């Protein structure tokens, strides 16, 4: 399962639609609290979290740290309109995550997700 988190309905729908079209099982969340609920232990296996960095309330990095803390096998794809340098002002991107700048192409999104999915359980 892939969890897609973005407070922008259009972006979340676009990303989720692309992933579903490729056969992935996708759960959508509009923010951190909703994503944490989707990640509860009885929800089944989660392979990848795709999350925006900047969101109201809990930002994407805070969300990712909570989810990976509870489920170390999860890999994270951060999406942001900010540059990588701006995102890394709060520290380097974690070893279990990759960064994809917005706007991005469908092939680059799918490539990043597949790369992360291949790493689940491989480390």
PDB file of N, CA and C in Angstrom:
ATOM      1  N   UNK A   1       0.849  -1.177   0.000  1.00  0.00           N
ATOM      2  CA  UNK A   1       0.000   0.000   0.000  1.00  0.00           C
ATOM      3  C   UNK A   1       0.896   1.242   0.000  1.00  0.00           C
ATOM      4  N   UNK A   2       0.419   2.258  -0.693  1.00  0.00           N
ATOM      5  CA  UNK A   2       1.091   3.556  -0.718  1.00  0.00           C
ATOM      6  C   UNK A   2       0.130   4.574  -0.120  1.00  0.00           C
ATOM      7  N   UNK A   3       0.632   5.387   0.784  1.00  0.00           N
ATOM      8  CA  UNK A   3      -0.171   6.482   1.348  1.00  0.00           C
ATOM      9  C   UNK A   3       0.294   7.774   0.702  1.00  0.00           C
ATOM     10  N   UNK A   4      -0.649   8.514   0.126  1.00  0.00           N
ATOM     11  CA  UNK A   4      -0.365   9.794  -0.520  1.00  0.00           C
ATOM     12  C   UNK A   4      -0.972  10.896   0.339  1.00  0.00           C
ATOM     13  N   UNK A   5      -0.104  11.829   0.778  1.00  0.00           N
ATOM     14  CA  UNK A   5      -0.540  12.895   1.673  1.00  0.00           C
ATOM     15  C   UNK A   5      -0.212  14.247   1.055  1.00  0.00           C
ATOM     16  N   UNK A   6      -1.239  15.043   0.824  1.00  0.00           N
ATOM     17  CA  UNK A   6      -1.055  16.406   0.338  1.00  0.00           C
ATOM     18  C   UNK A   6      -2.311  17.173   0.699  1.00  0.00           C
ATOM     19  N   UNK A   7      -2.148  18.390   1.203  1.00  0.00           N
ATOM     20  CA  UNK A   7      -3.311  19.190   1.574  1.00  0.00           C
ATOM     21  C   UNK A   7      -4.006  19.798   0.352  1.00  0.00           C
ATOM     22  N   UNK A   8      -3.367  19.735  -0.809  1.00  0.00           N
ATOM     23  CA  UNK A   8      -3.959  20.235  -2.045  1.00  0.00           C
ATOM     24  C   UNK A   8      -4.698  19.077  -2.716  1.00  0.00           C
ATOM     25  N   UNK A   9      -6.026  19.194  -2.813  1.00  0.00           N
ATOM     26  CA  UNK A   9      -6.844  18.113  -3.370  1.00  0.00           C
ATOM     27  C   UNK A   9      -6.428  17.743  -4.789  1.00  0.00           C
ATOM     28  N   UNK A  10      -6.102  18.743  -5.611  1.00  0.00           N
ATOM     29  CA  UNK A  10      -5.739  18.471  -7.003  1.00  0.00           C
ATOM     30  C   UNK A  10      -4.431  17.688  -7.096  1.00  0.00           C
ATOM     31  N   UNK A  11      -3.434  18.094  -6.321  1.00  0.00           N
ATOM     32  CA  UNK A  11      -2.145  17.395  -6.338  1.00  0.00           C
ATOM     33  C   UNK A  11      -2.318  15.975  -5.816  1.00  0.00           C
ATOM     34  N   UNK A  12      -3.005  15.845  -4.693  1.00  0.00           N
ATOM     35  CA  UNK A  12      -3.227  14.520  -4.095  1.00  0.00           C
ATOM     36  C   UNK A  12      -3.964  13.613  -5.081  1.00  0.00           C
ATOM     37  N   UNK A  13      -4.998  14.127  -5.733  1.00  0.00           N
ATOM     38  CA  UNK A  13      -5.759  13.341  -6.699  1.00  0.00           C
ATOM     39  C   UNK A  13      -4.928  12.953  -7.911  1.00  0.00           C
ATOM     40  N   UNK A  14      -4.102  13.881  -8.390  1.00  0.00           N
ATOM     41  CA  UNK A  14      -3.239  13.616  -9.542  1.00  0.00           C
ATOM     42  C   UNK A  14      -2.249  12.501  -9.231  1.00  0.00           C
ATOM     43  N   UNK A  15      -1.552  12.631  -8.104  1.00  0.00           N
ATOM     44  CA  UNK A  15      -0.547  11.638  -7.701  1.00  0.00           C
ATOM     45  C   UNK A  15      -1.212  10.279  -7.463  1.00  0.00           C
ATOM     46  N   UNK A  16      -2.313  10.285  -6.735  1.00  0.00           N
ATOM     47  CA  UNK A  16      -3.012   9.030  -6.445  1.00  0.00           C
ATOM     48  C   UNK A  16      -3.505   8.360  -7.719  1.00  0.00           C
ATOM     49  N   UNK A  17      -4.047   9.152  -8.635  1.00  0.00           N
ATOM     50  CA  UNK A  17      -4.539   8.610  -9.900  1.00  0.00           C
ATOM     51  C   UNK A  17      -3.431   7.967 -10.719  1.00  0.00           C
ATOM     52  N   UNK A  18      -2.280   8.642 -10.792  1.00  0.00           N
ATOM     53  CA  UNK A  18      -1.136   8.072 -11.522  1.00  0.00           C
ATOM     54  C   UNK A  18      -0.731   6.727 -10.931  1.00  0.00           C
ATOM     55  N   UNK A  19      -0.654   6.678  -9.625  1.00  0.00           N
ATOM     56  CA  UNK A  19      -0.227   5.449  -8.959  1.00  0.00           C
ATOM     57  C   UNK A  19      -1.263   4.335  -9.133  1.00  0.00           C
ATOM     58  N   UNK A  20      -2.537   4.672  -9.018  1.00  0.00           N
ATOM     59  CA  UNK A  20      -3.588   3.664  -9.212  1.00  0.00           C
ATOM     60  C   UNK A  20      -3.575   3.127 -10.646  1.00  0.00           C
ATOM     61  N   UNK A  21      -3.356   4.028 -11.606  1.00  0.00           N
ATOM     62  CA  UNK A  21      -3.297   3.608 -13.012  1.00  0.00           C
ATOM     63  C   UNK A  21      -2.172   2.605 -13.257  1.00  0.00           C
ATOM     64  N   UNK A  22      -1.139   2.645 -12.411  1.00  0.00           N
ATOM     65  CA  UNK A  22      -0.013   1.713 -12.526  1.00  0.00           C
ATOM     66  C   UNK A  22      -0.220   0.454 -11.680  1.00  0.00           C
ATOM     67  N   UNK A  23      -1.397   0.346 -11.059  1.00  0.00           N
ATOM     68  CA  UNK A  23      -1.728  -0.864 -10.313  1.00  0.00           C
ATOM     69  C   UNK A  23      -1.435  -0.833  -8.829  1.00  0.00           C
ATOM     70  N   UNK A  24      -0.989   0.304  -8.317  1.00  0.00           N
ATOM     71  CA  UNK A  24      -0.702   0.401  -6.885  1.00  0.00           C
ATOM     72  C   UNK A  24      -1.982   0.558  -6.082  1.00  0.00           C
ATOM     73  N   UNK A  25      -1.985   0.025  -4.877  1.00  0.00           N
ATOM     74  CA  UNK A  25      -3.066   0.267  -3.922  1.00  0.00           C
ATOM     75  C   UNK A  25      -2.719   1.554  -3.204  1.00  0.00           C
ATOM     76  N   UNK A  26      -3.614   2.532  -3.241  1.00  0.00           N
ATOM     77  CA  UNK A  26      -3.337   3.868  -2.720  1.00  0.00           C
ATOM     78  C   UNK A  26      -4.395   4.262  -1.707  1.00  0.00           C
ATOM     79  N   UNK A  27      -3.939   4.836  -0.607  1.00  0.00           N
ATOM     80  CA  UNK A  27      -4.813   5.457   0.383  1.00  0.00           C
ATOM     81  C   UNK A  27      -4.445   6.930   0.408  1.00  0.00           C
ATOM     82  N   UNK A  28      -5.444   7.791   0.324  1.00  0.00           N
ATOM     83  CA  UNK A  28      -5.210   9.234   0.316  1.00  0.00           C
ATOM     84  C   UNK A  28      -5.466   9.834   1.692  1.00  0.00           C
ATOM     85  N   UNK A  29      -4.677  10.864   2.018  1.00  0.00           N
ATOM     86  CA  UNK A  29      -4.868  11.617   3.262  1.00  0.00           C
ATOM     87  C   UNK A  29      -4.587  13.083   2.969  1.00  0.00           C
ATOM     88  N   UNK A  30      -5.375  13.957   3.571  1.00  0.00           N
ATOM     89  CA  UNK A  30      -5.211  15.393   3.341  1.00  0.00           C
ATOM     90  C   UNK A  30      -4.262  16.047   4.338  1.00  0.00           C
ATOM     91  N   UNK A  31      -3.808  15.286   5.328  1.00  0.00           N
ATOM     92  CA  UNK A  31      -2.895  15.840   6.325  1.00  0.00           C
ATOM     93  C   UNK A  31      -2.324  14.751   7.216  1.00  0.00           C
ATOM     94  N   UNK A  32      -1.504  15.186   8.157  1.00  0.00           N
ATOM     95  CA  UNK A  32      -0.781  14.266   9.011  1.00  0.00           C
ATOM     96  C   UNK A  32      -1.638  13.371   9.874  1.00  0.00           C
ATOM     97  N   UNK A  33      -2.641  13.927  10.518  1.00  0.00           N
ATOM     98  CA  UNK A  33      -3.484  13.133  11.421  1.00  0.00           C
ATOM     99  C   UNK A  33      -4.208  12.042  10.645  1.00  0.00           C
ATOM    100  N   UNK A  34      -4.733  12.400   9.486  1.00  0.00           N
ATOM    101  CA  UNK A  34      -5.427  11.426   8.637  1.00  0.00           C
ATOM    102  C   UNK A  34      -4.458  10.333   8.159  1.00  0.00           C
ATOM    103  N   UNK A  35      -3.232  10.715   7.826  1.00  0.00           N
ATOM    104  CA  UNK A  35      -2.227   9.749   7.377  1.00  0.00           C
ATOM    105  C   UNK A  35      -1.835   8.801   8.506  1.00  0.00           C
ATOM    106  N   UNK A  36      -1.681   9.320   9.709  1.00  0.00           N
ATOM    107  CA  UNK A  36      -1.345   8.460  10.847  1.00  0.00           C
ATOM    108  C   UNK A  36      -2.448   7.435  11.099  1.00  0.00           C
ATOM    109  N   UNK A  37      -3.695   7.857  10.947  1.00  0.00           N
ATOM    110  CA  UNK A  37      -4.814   6.934  11.125  1.00  0.00           C
ATOM    111  C   UNK A  37      -4.782   5.842  10.056  1.00  0.00           C
ATOM    112  N   UNK A  38      -4.400   6.208   8.832  1.00  0.00           N
ATOM    113  CA  UNK A  38      -4.319   5.228   7.736  1.00  0.00           C
ATOM    114  C   UNK A  38      -3.174   4.244   7.952  1.00  0.00           C
ATOM    115  N   UNK A  39      -2.222   4.598   8.795  1.00  0.00           N
ATOM    116  CA  UNK A  39      -1.035   3.775   9.043  1.00  0.00           C
ATOM    117  C   UNK A  39      -1.158   2.936  10.309  1.00  0.00           C
ATOM    118  N   UNK A  40      -2.319   2.909  10.915  1.00  0.00           N
ATOM    119  CA  UNK A  40      -2.461   2.134  12.148  1.00  0.00           C
ATOM    120  C   UNK A  40      -2.093   0.673  11.887  1.00  0.00           C
ATOM    121  N   UNK A  41      -1.650  -0.047  12.897  1.00  0.00           N
ATOM    122  CA  UNK A  41      -1.134  -1.409  12.715  1.00  0.00           C
ATOM    123  C   UNK A  41      -2.091  -2.373  12.002  1.00  0.00           C
ATOM    124  N   UNK A  42      -3.397  -2.226  12.208  1.00  0.00           N
ATOM    125  CA  UNK A  42      -4.353  -3.156  11.590  1.00  0.00           C
ATOM    126  C   UNK A  42      -4.707  -2.768  10.149  1.00  0.00           C
ATOM    127  N   UNK A  43      -4.081  -1.734   9.609  1.00  0.00           N
ATOM    128  CA  UNK A  43      -4.403  -1.255   8.260  1.00  0.00           C
ATOM    129  C   UNK A  43      -3.711  -2.061   7.166  1.00  0.00           C
ATOM    130  N   UNK A  44      -2.801  -2.924   7.533  1.00  0.00           N
ATOM    131  CA  UNK A  44      -2.075  -3.703   6.539  1.00  0.00           C
ATOM    132  C   UNK A  44      -0.721  -3.087   6.245  1.00  0.00           C
ATOM    133  N   UNK A  45       0.046  -3.762   5.390  1.00  0.00           N
ATOM    134  CA  UNK A  45       1.406  -3.294   5.118  1.00  0.00           C
ATOM    135  C   UNK A  45       1.437  -1.993   4.320  1.00  0.00           C
ATOM    136  N   UNK A  46       2.320  -1.114   4.724  1.00  0.00           N
ATOM    137  CA  UNK A  46       2.557   0.143   4.015  1.00  0.00           C
ATOM    138  C   UNK A  46       3.987   0.088   3.505  1.00  0.00           C
ATOM    139  N   UNK A  47       4.158   0.283   2.205  1.00  0.00           N
ATOM    140  CA  UNK A  47       5.498   0.250   1.640  1.00  0.00           C
ATOM    141  C   UNK A  47       6.077   1.646   1.496  1.00  0.00           C
ATOM    142  N   UNK A  48       5.259   2.568   0.963  1.00  0.00           N
ATOM    143  CA  UNK A  48       5.768   3.902   0.647  1.00  0.00           C
ATOM    144  C   UNK A  48       4.786   4.963   1.132  1.00  0.00           C
ATOM    145  N   UNK A  49       5.347   6.004   1.718  1.00  0.00           N
ATOM    146  CA  UNK A  49       4.613   7.214   2.074  1.00  0.00           C
ATOM    147  C   UNK A  49       5.050   8.288   1.093  1.00  0.00           C
ATOM    148  N   UNK A  50       4.096   8.849   0.356  1.00  0.00           N
ATOM    149  CA  UNK A  50       4.366   9.961  -0.556  1.00  0.00           C
ATOM    150  C   UNK A  50       3.735  11.174   0.101  1.00  0.00           C
ATOM    151  N   UNK A  51       4.560  12.138   0.507  1.00  0.00           N
ATOM    152  CA  UNK A  51       4.016  13.266   1.255  1.00  0.00           C
ATOM    153  C   UNK A  51       4.597  14.599   0.828  1.00  0.00           C
ATOM    154  N   UNK A  52       3.724  15.595   0.844  1.00  0.00           N
ATOM    155  CA  UNK A  52       4.160  16.973   0.658  1.00  0.00           C
ATOM    156  C   UNK A  52       4.962  17.367   1.896  1.00  0.00           C
ATOM    157  N   UNK A  53       5.883  18.292   1.732  1.00  0.00           N
ATOM    158  CA  UNK A  53       6.667  18.777   2.874  1.00  0.00           C
ATOM    159  C   UNK A  53       5.881  19.824   3.653  1.00  0.00           C
ATOM    160  N   UNK A  54       5.362  20.809   2.937  1.00  0.00           N
ATOM    161  CA  UNK A  54       4.671  21.917   3.593  1.00  0.00           C
ATOM    162  C   UNK A  54       3.168  21.665   3.653  1.00  0.00           C
ATOM    163  N   UNK A  55       2.678  21.441   4.875  1.00  0.00           N
ATOM    164  CA  UNK A  55       1.249  21.252   5.099  1.00  0.00           C
ATOM    165  C   UNK A  55       0.882  21.918   6.410  1.00  0.00           C
ATOM    166  N   UNK A  56      -0.354  22.354   6.537  1.00  0.00           N
ATOM    167  CA  UNK A  56      -0.788  22.931   7.813  1.00  0.00           C
ATOM    168  C   UNK A  56      -0.742  21.879   8.920  1.00  0.00           C
ATOM    169  N   UNK A  57      -0.492  22.325  10.112  1.00  0.00           N
ATOM    170  CA  UNK A  57      -0.407  21.400  11.241  1.00  0.00           C
ATOM    171  C   UNK A  57       0.909  20.664  11.215  1.00  0.00           C
ATOM    172  N   UNK A  58       0.862  19.381  10.957  1.00  0.00           N
ATOM    173  CA  UNK A  58       2.058  18.536  10.925  1.00  0.00           C
ATOM    174  C   UNK A  58       2.667  18.578   9.519  1.00  0.00           C
ATOM    175  N   UNK A  59       3.947  18.951   9.433  1.00  0.00           N
ATOM    176  CA  UNK A  59       4.565  18.967   8.103  1.00  0.00           C
ATOM    177  C   UNK A  59       4.976  17.546   7.701  1.00  0.00           C
ATOM    178  N   UNK A  60       5.357  17.394   6.437  1.00  0.00           N
ATOM    179  CA  UNK A  60       5.675  16.075   5.901  1.00  0.00           C
ATOM    180  C   UNK A  60       6.840  15.380   6.573  1.00  0.00           C
ATOM    181  N   UNK A  61       7.840  16.145   6.965  1.00  0.00           N
ATOM    182  CA  UNK A  61       8.993  15.509   7.632  1.00  0.00           C
ATOM    183  C   UNK A  61       8.618  15.000   9.022  1.00  0.00           C
ATOM    184  N   UNK A  62       7.822  15.772   9.739  1.00  0.00           N
ATOM    185  CA  UNK A  62       7.357  15.312  11.056  1.00  0.00           C
ATOM    186  C   UNK A  62       6.511  14.051  10.909  1.00  0.00           C
ATOM    187  N   UNK A  63       5.625  14.059   9.934  1.00  0.00           N
ATOM    188  CA  UNK A  63       4.774  12.905   9.664  1.00  0.00           C
ATOM    189  C   UNK A  63       5.620  11.674   9.338  1.00  0.00           C
ATOM    190  N   UNK A  64       6.568  11.848   8.438  1.00  0.00           N
ATOM    191  CA  UNK A  64       7.414  10.724   8.021  1.00  0.00           C
ATOM    192  C   UNK A  64       8.182  10.144   9.201  1.00  0.00           C
ATOM    193  N   UNK A  65       8.718  10.992  10.052  1.00  0.00           N
ATOM    194  CA  UNK A  65       9.479  10.500  11.206  1.00  0.00           C
ATOM    195  C   UNK A  65       8.588   9.678  12.137  1.00  0.00           C
ATOM    196  N   UNK A  66       7.340  10.100  12.309  1.00  0.00           N
ATOM    197  CA  UNK A  66       6.424   9.338  13.165  1.00  0.00           C
ATOM    198  C   UNK A  66       6.084   7.983  12.540  1.00  0.00           C
ATOM    199  N   UNK A  67       5.804   7.995  11.247  1.00  0.00           N
ATOM    200  CA  UNK A  67       5.423   6.746  10.587  1.00  0.00           C
ATOM    201  C   UNK A  67       6.608   5.781  10.526  1.00  0.00           C
ATOM    202  N   UNK A  68       7.780   6.260  10.122  1.00  0.00           N
ATOM    203  CA  UNK A  68       8.945   5.388  10.036  1.00  0.00           C
ATOM    204  C   UNK A  68       9.369   4.929  11.441  1.00  0.00           C
ATOM    205  N   UNK A  69       9.161   5.772  12.443  1.00  0.00           N
ATOM    206  CA  UNK A  69       9.454   5.359  13.820  1.00  0.00           C
ATOM    207  C   UNK A  69       8.611   4.169  14.251  1.00  0.00           C
ATOM    208  N   UNK A  70       7.353   4.133  13.801  1.00  0.00           N
ATOM    209  CA  UNK A  70       6.452   3.032  14.145  1.00  0.00           C
ATOM    210  C   UNK A  70       6.567   1.864  13.170  1.00  0.00           C
ATOM    211  N   UNK A  71       6.943   2.187  11.932  1.00  0.00           N
ATOM    212  CA  UNK A  71       7.048   1.174  10.873  1.00  0.00           C
ATOM    213  C   UNK A  71       8.361   1.397  10.114  1.00  0.00           C
ATOM    214  N   UNK A  72       9.464   0.884  10.614  1.00  0.00           N
ATOM    215  CA  UNK A  72      10.775   1.156  10.019  1.00  0.00           C
ATOM    216  C   UNK A  72      10.940   0.694   8.571  1.00  0.00           C
ATOM    217  N   UNK A  73      10.083  -0.194   8.114  1.00  0.00           N
ATOM    218  CA  UNK A  73      10.183  -0.683   6.734  1.00  0.00           C
ATOM    219  C   UNK A  73       9.654   0.322   5.701  1.00  0.00           C
ATOM    220  N   UNK A  74       8.899   1.303   6.136  1.00  0.00           N
ATOM    221  CA  UNK A  74       8.304   2.276   5.211  1.00  0.00           C
ATOM    222  C   UNK A  74       9.383   3.192   4.642  1.00  0.00           C
ATOM    223  N   UNK A  75       9.298   3.432   3.359  1.00  0.00           N
ATOM    224  CA  UNK A  75      10.177   4.382   2.673  1.00  0.00           C
ATOM    225  C   UNK A  75       9.344   5.599   2.301  1.00  0.00           C
ATOM    226  N   UNK A  76      10.002   6.752   2.163  1.00  0.00           N
ATOM    227  CA  UNK A  76       9.295   8.025   2.025  1.00  0.00           C
ATOM    228  C   UNK A  76       9.737   8.772   0.778  1.00  0.00           C
ATOM    229  N   UNK A  77       8.750   9.306   0.069  1.00  0.00           N
ATOM    230  CA  UNK A  77       8.991  10.210  -1.051  1.00  0.00           C
ATOM    231  C   UNK A  77       8.457  11.574  -0.644  1.00  0.00           C
ATOM    232  N   UNK A  78       9.382  12.519  -0.443  1.00  0.00           N
ATOM    233  CA  UNK A  78       8.986  13.889  -0.139  1.00  0.00           C
ATOM    234  C   UNK A  78       8.751  14.636  -1.447  1.00  0.00           C
ATOM    235  N   UNK A  79       7.626  15.342  -1.537  1.00  0.00           N
ATOM    236  CA  UNK A  79       7.341  16.223  -2.674  1.00  0.00           C
ATOM    237  C   UNK A  79       7.298  17.649  -2.139  1.00  0.00           C
ATOM    238  N   UNK A  80       7.839  18.579  -2.919  1.00  0.00           N
ATOM    239  CA  UNK A  80       7.770  19.963  -2.466  1.00  0.00           C
ATOM    240  C   UNK A  80       8.031  20.931  -3.605  1.00  0.00           C
ATOM    241  N   UNK A  81       7.380  22.069  -3.521  1.00  0.00           N
ATOM    242  CA  UNK A  81       7.674  23.179  -4.419  1.00  0.00           C
ATOM    243  C   UNK A  81       8.925  23.914  -3.978  1.00  0.00           C
ATOM    244  N   UNK A  82       9.390  23.630  -2.765  1.00  0.00           N
ATOM    245  CA  UNK A  82      10.644  24.205  -2.274  1.00  0.00           C
ATOM    246  C   UNK A  82      11.816  23.488  -2.932  1.00  0.00           C
ATOM    247  N   UNK A  83      12.932  24.138  -2.998  1.00  0.00           N
ATOM    248  CA  UNK A  83      14.136  23.475  -3.508  1.00  0.00           C
ATOM    249  C   UNK A  83      14.636  22.467  -2.469  1.00  0.00           C
ATOM    250  N   UNK A  84      15.449  21.530  -2.908  1.00  0.00           N
ATOM    251  CA  UNK A  84      16.040  20.566  -1.982  1.00  0.00           C
ATOM    252  C   UNK A  84      16.855  21.290  -0.916  1.00  0.00           C
ATOM    253  N   UNK A  85      17.596  22.328  -1.331  1.00  0.00           N
ATOM    254  CA  UNK A  85      18.413  23.090  -0.371  1.00  0.00           C
ATOM    255  C   UNK A  85      17.534  23.712   0.708  1.00  0.00           C
ATOM    256  N   UNK A  86      16.385  24.243   0.319  1.00  0.00           N
ATOM    257  CA  UNK A  86      15.475  24.846   1.307  1.00  0.00           C
ATOM    258  C   UNK A  86      14.932  23.788   2.261  1.00  0.00           C
ATOM    259  N   UNK A  87      14.601  22.628   1.728  1.00  0.00           N
ATOM    260  CA  UNK A  87      14.095  21.534   2.563  1.00  0.00           C
ATOM    261  C   UNK A  87      15.174  21.073   3.540  1.00  0.00           C
ATOM    262  N   UNK A  88      16.418  21.040   3.075  1.00  0.00           N
ATOM    263  CA  UNK A  88      17.504  20.539   3.921  1.00  0.00           C
ATOM    264  C   UNK A  88      18.006  21.557   4.937  1.00  0.00           C
ATOM    265  N   UNK A  89      17.416  22.728   4.992  1.00  0.00           N
ATOM    266  CA  UNK A  89      17.763  23.673   6.071  1.00  0.00           C
ATOM    267  C   UNK A  89      17.401  23.093   7.434  1.00  0.00           C
ATOM    268  N   UNK A  90      16.424  22.200   7.443  1.00  0.00           N
ATOM    269  CA  UNK A  90      16.022  21.526   8.679  1.00  0.00           C
ATOM    270  C   UNK A  90      16.789  20.227   8.897  1.00  0.00           C
ATOM    271  N   UNK A  91      17.803  19.996   8.089  1.00  0.00           N
ATOM    272  CA  UNK A  91      18.612  18.785   8.181  1.00  0.00           C
ATOM    273  C   UNK A  91      18.559  18.023   6.870  1.00  0.00           C
ATOM    274  N   UNK A  92      19.554  17.163   6.647  1.00  0.00           N
ATOM    275  CA  UNK A  92      19.600  16.413   5.389  1.00  0.00           C
ATOM    276  C   UNK A  92      18.409  15.465   5.252  1.00  0.00           C
ATOM    277  N   UNK A  93      18.090  15.145   4.014  1.00  0.00           N
ATOM    278  CA  UNK A  93      17.035  14.161   3.754  1.00  0.00           C
ATOM    279  C   UNK A  93      17.489  12.828   4.352  1.00  0.00           C
ATOM    280  N   UNK A  94      16.595  12.176   5.045  1.00  0.00           N
ATOM    281  CA  UNK A  94      16.893  10.936   5.737  1.00  0.00           C
ATOM    282  C   UNK A  94      17.271   9.828   4.748  1.00  0.00           C
ATOM    283  N   UNK A  95      17.998   8.829   5.218  1.00  0.00           N
ATOM    284  CA  UNK A  95      18.452   7.732   4.358  1.00  0.00           C
ATOM    285  C   UNK A  95      17.292   6.903   3.810  1.00  0.00           C
ATOM    286  N   UNK A  96      16.158   6.929   4.475  1.00  0.00           N
ATOM    287  CA  UNK A  96      14.994   6.158   4.043  1.00  0.00           C
ATOM    288  C   UNK A  96      14.054   6.969   3.159  1.00  0.00           C
ATOM    289  N   UNK A  97      14.509   8.135   2.701  1.00  0.00           N
ATOM    290  CA  UNK A  97      13.640   9.015   1.919  1.00  0.00           C
ATOM    291  C   UNK A  97      14.348   9.536   0.672  1.00  0.00           C
ATOM    292  N   UNK A  98      13.542   9.951  -0.294  1.00  0.00           N
ATOM    293  CA  UNK A  98      14.044  10.666  -1.466  1.00  0.00           C
ATOM    294  C   UNK A  98      13.203  11.920  -1.650  1.00  0.00           C
ATOM    295  N   UNK A  99      13.757  12.862  -2.395  1.00  0.00           N
ATOM    296  CA  UNK A  99      13.103  14.156  -2.614  1.00  0.00           C
ATOM    297  C   UNK A  99      12.750  14.296  -4.090  1.00  0.00           C
ATOM    298  N   UNK A 100      11.548  14.777  -4.358  1.00  0.00           N
ATOM    299  CA  UNK A 100      11.096  15.050  -5.715  1.00  0.00           C
ATOM    300  C   UNK A 100      10.502  16.454  -5.738  1.00  0.00           C
ATOM    301  N   UNK A 101      11.134  17.339  -6.501  1.00  0.00           N
ATOM    302  CA  UNK A 101      10.655  18.719  -6.576  1.00  0.00           C
ATOM    303  C   UNK A 101       9.431  18.854  -7.457  1.00  0.00           C
ATOM    304  N   UNK A 102       8.507  19.717  -7.027  1.00  0.00           N
ATOM    305  CA  UNK A 102       7.327  20.050  -7.831  1.00  0.00           C
ATOM    306  C   UNK A 102       7.683  21.241  -8.717  1.00  0.00           C
ATOM    307  N   UNK A 103       7.211  21.297  -9.918  1.00  0.00           N
ATOM    308  CA  UNK A 103       6.405  20.278 -10.579  1.00  0.00           C
ATOM    309  C   UNK A 103       7.282  19.130 -11.055  1.00  0.00           C
ATOM    310  N   UNK A 104       6.689  17.954 -11.174  1.00  0.00           N
ATOM    311  CA  UNK A 104       7.424  16.779 -11.630  1.00  0.00           C
ATOM    312  C   UNK A 104       6.608  16.092 -12.724  1.00  0.00           C
ATOM    313  N   UNK A 105       7.279  15.261 -13.487  1.00  0.00           N
ATOM    314  CA  UNK A 105       6.608  14.535 -14.566  1.00  0.00           C
ATOM    315  C   UNK A 105       6.075  13.207 -14.023  1.00  0.00           C
ATOM    316  N   UNK A 106       5.043  12.670 -14.642  1.00  0.00           N
ATOM    317  CA  UNK A 106       4.566  11.350 -14.223  1.00  0.00           C
ATOM    318  C   UNK A 106       5.670  10.291 -14.233  1.00  0.00           C
ATOM    319  N   UNK A 107       6.518  10.219 -15.273  1.00  0.00           N
ATOM    320  CA  UNK A 107       7.585   9.201 -15.223  1.00  0.00           C
ATOM    321  C   UNK A 107       8.546   9.377 -14.046  1.00  0.00           C
ATOM    322  N   UNK A 108       8.856  10.620 -13.671  1.00  0.00           N
ATOM    323  CA  UNK A 108       9.776  10.811 -12.543  1.00  0.00           C
ATOM    324  C   UNK A 108       9.124  10.385 -11.225  1.00  0.00           C
ATOM    325  N   UNK A 109       7.829  10.630 -11.065  1.00  0.00           N
ATOM    326  CA  UNK A 109       7.119  10.182  -9.867  1.00  0.00           C
ATOM    327  C   UNK A 109       7.113   8.656  -9.805  1.00  0.00           C
ATOM    328  N   UNK A 110       6.736   8.020 -10.897  1.00  0.00           N
ATOM    329  CA  UNK A 110       6.663   6.560 -10.915  1.00  0.00           C
ATOM    330  C   UNK A 110       8.027   5.926 -10.694  1.00  0.00           C
ATOM    331  N   UNK A 111       9.060   6.507 -11.268  1.00  0.00           N
ATOM    332  CA  UNK A 111      10.420   6.001 -11.083  1.00  0.00           C
ATOM    333  C   UNK A 111      10.838   6.089  -9.621  1.00  0.00           C
ATOM    334  N   UNK A 112      10.555   7.224  -8.981  1.00  0.00           N
ATOM    335  CA  UNK A 112      10.922   7.407  -7.571  1.00  0.00           C
ATOM    336  C   UNK A 112      10.178   6.417  -6.678  1.00  0.00           C
ATOM    337  N   UNK A 113       8.894   6.210  -6.940  1.00  0.00           N
ATOM    338  CA  UNK A 113       8.113   5.274  -6.130  1.00  0.00           C
ATOM    339  C   UNK A 113       8.634   3.853  -6.310  1.00  0.00           C
ATOM    340  N   UNK A 114       8.928   3.473  -7.544  1.00  0.00           N
ATOM    341  CA  UNK A 114       9.443   2.118  -7.786  1.00  0.00           C
ATOM    342  C   UNK A 114      10.805   1.918  -7.125  1.00  0.00           C
ATOM    343  N   UNK A 115      11.640   2.962  -7.173  1.00  0.00           N
ATOM    344  CA  UNK A 115      12.947   2.886  -6.521  1.00  0.00           C
ATOM    345  C   UNK A 115      12.773   2.649  -5.019  1.00  0.00           C
ATOM    346  N   UNK A 116      11.875   3.382  -4.404  1.00  0.00           N
ATOM    347  CA  UNK A 116      11.636   3.224  -2.963  1.00  0.00           C
ATOM    348  C   UNK A 116      11.022   1.863  -2.659  1.00  0.00           C
ATOM    349  N   UNK A 117      10.095   1.448  -3.483  1.00  0.00           N
ATOM    350  CA  UNK A 117       9.433   0.164  -3.256  1.00  0.00           C
ATOM    351  C   UNK A 117      10.458  -0.979  -3.303  1.00  0.00           C
ATOM    352  N   UNK A 118      11.438  -0.863  -4.193  1.00  0.00           N
ATOM    353  CA  UNK A 118      12.483  -1.877  -4.294  1.00  0.00           C
ATOM    354  C   UNK A 118      13.347  -1.918  -3.042  1.00  0.00           C
ATOM    355  N   UNK A 119      13.437  -0.811  -2.326  1.00  0.00           N
ATOM    356  CA  UNK A 119      14.270  -0.731  -1.120  1.00  0.00           C
ATOM    357  C   UNK A 119      13.559  -1.277   0.120  1.00  0.00           C
ATOM    358  N   UNK A 120      12.231  -1.430   0.059  1.00  0.00           N
ATOM    359  CA  UNK A 120      11.493  -1.920   1.222  1.00  0.00           C
ATOM    360  C   UNK A 120      11.956  -3.331   1.529  1.00  0.00           C
ATOM    361  N   UNK A 121      12.473  -3.504   2.721  1.00  0.00           N
ATOM    362  CA  UNK A 121      12.942  -4.809   3.157  1.00  0.00           C
ATOM    363  C   UNK A 121      14.333  -5.186   2.639  1.00  0.00           C
ATOM    364  N   UNK A 122      14.906  -4.365   1.747  1.00  0.00           N
ATOM    365  CA  UNK A 122      16.211  -4.695   1.177  1.00  0.00           C
ATOM    366  C   UNK A 122      17.371  -4.207   2.039  1.00  0.00           C
ATOM    367  N   UNK A 123      17.090  -3.334   2.966  1.00  0.00           N
ATOM    368  CA  UNK A 123      18.177  -2.747   3.781  1.00  0.00           C
ATOM    369  C   UNK A 123      18.273  -3.414   5.128  1.00  0.00           C
TER     370      UNK A 123
END
